[in-house]
Amino acid sequence: MKNWMLAIRPKTLFASQAPVVLGLAVAFVEIKSINVLIAVLTALCALVLQIASNLANDYLDAVRGVDKDTRLGPTRVTSSGLISLTSMKNALILTLSLAFILGIYLMYVGGPVIMVIGLVSLYFAYGYTGGPFPLSYNGLGEVAAFIFFGLVAVIGTTYLQTHSYSRLALILGMGPGFISACILAVNNLRDIVSDKDTNKKTLAVRFGEKFQRSLCITTIIMSLLVCLYVMVMYNFKWLFPVLLLPFFFHKTWLMILYQPIDSRLNLALQRTAQYNLLYCVMISIGMILSFKL
C-alpha cells in the first residue's frame, strides 16, 4: 500500500478538489442551492482523474526511461521497480475506467457540454504524459494545468449545478488555474536538470531557470488579481481576507525565487498546493458570506 500511495501522490490531490469547491460556491451564489449527489460525484470524478494522471505520469515516464537517479522529486515507483510495469498499467486502466463510469451520470445530467468536458478531461489525464504529443514533454504542462485544474474544473462544476453558462465561474476559474500552473512550474523548476538530460522540453528547459522562477511568482500574483477583480466588480466584500493569504506563504515564494535547485523545492510545491486549497475555500466562504450578509 505504501508504494501505491507514492504513485498516487496524495499531497498533490488538492489541485483537483479545490476548484470543485469553488465551482460549487459559485453555483450556490447563483441558484441558492446545491445538488449534493452531483456535487459528490463531481468531486470523486475529479479526484480519480487526477489519480489517473499521476499513475500515467509514473508509468509512461518509466516506459520512456526518463526517470534518472539525478531526479529530485518523490520516488517513481515504476522506474525504481517497486511496482511492475504490468501492475501499474492495469491500475491506470482501472482508474481511467472508474473515472468514465463516475462520469456517465454526470454526462447524462449535464448533456453535451459535460460530455465534451468529460471526454477531453479523460484524454488529458493520459495525454499529459502519453499519446503522440505528450503535453508535459512539449512545454504545455503549465497551460494544461491552468485550463483543466482551473477553468474546466470550476466552469464544469458550476454548469452541472446550474445548467447555464456562468461568467463568474469563468473569471474565478482563472484563480486556481494560475495556482495549479504554479504547482507545475515549481515541479519543472525542480526537475530542470534531469528534464534537460532526457530531452524533456518543459518551459523551464526551453527558457531557463530565471524565467521559470519568475513564471511561478507571476502566476501567484495573477491569482491575487483575479480575487481582487471579483471582489470589486461583484461587491463581494468578504473576499478581502484572501488578499492577505499570500503574505502567510511569503517563505514559500522566497524559496521559489532563491532556493537552489535541490529536493527542498518539494516543500515549496507542497505548500503551493496547500495555498491553492486555502485560496479556493476562502473565496468560497467569502462569496457566501457576502451574499448572505
Foldseek 3Di string as FASTA:
>chain_A
DVLLCLQQVVLLLLLQQLLLLLLQLVLCLVPVDFDVVLSVLLSVLSSLLSSLLSLLQLLLCLVLVLDDPPQFEGDSCDNVVVDDSVVSVVVSVVSLVVSVVSCPVLCVQQDPVSVVLSVVSSCLSNQCRDDPHNCQLAACNLVVLLVNSFLSSNQSSNCSGVVDGDPLSNLLSNLSSLLSSLLVLLSCLLRLVSCVVSNRDHVCVVPHNQVSLVSNVVSNVVSLVSLVCCCVVVVLVQSVVLNVLVVVVVVLNVCSNDPPNHNVSVVSSSVSSVNSNVSSVSSSVSNVVSSVD
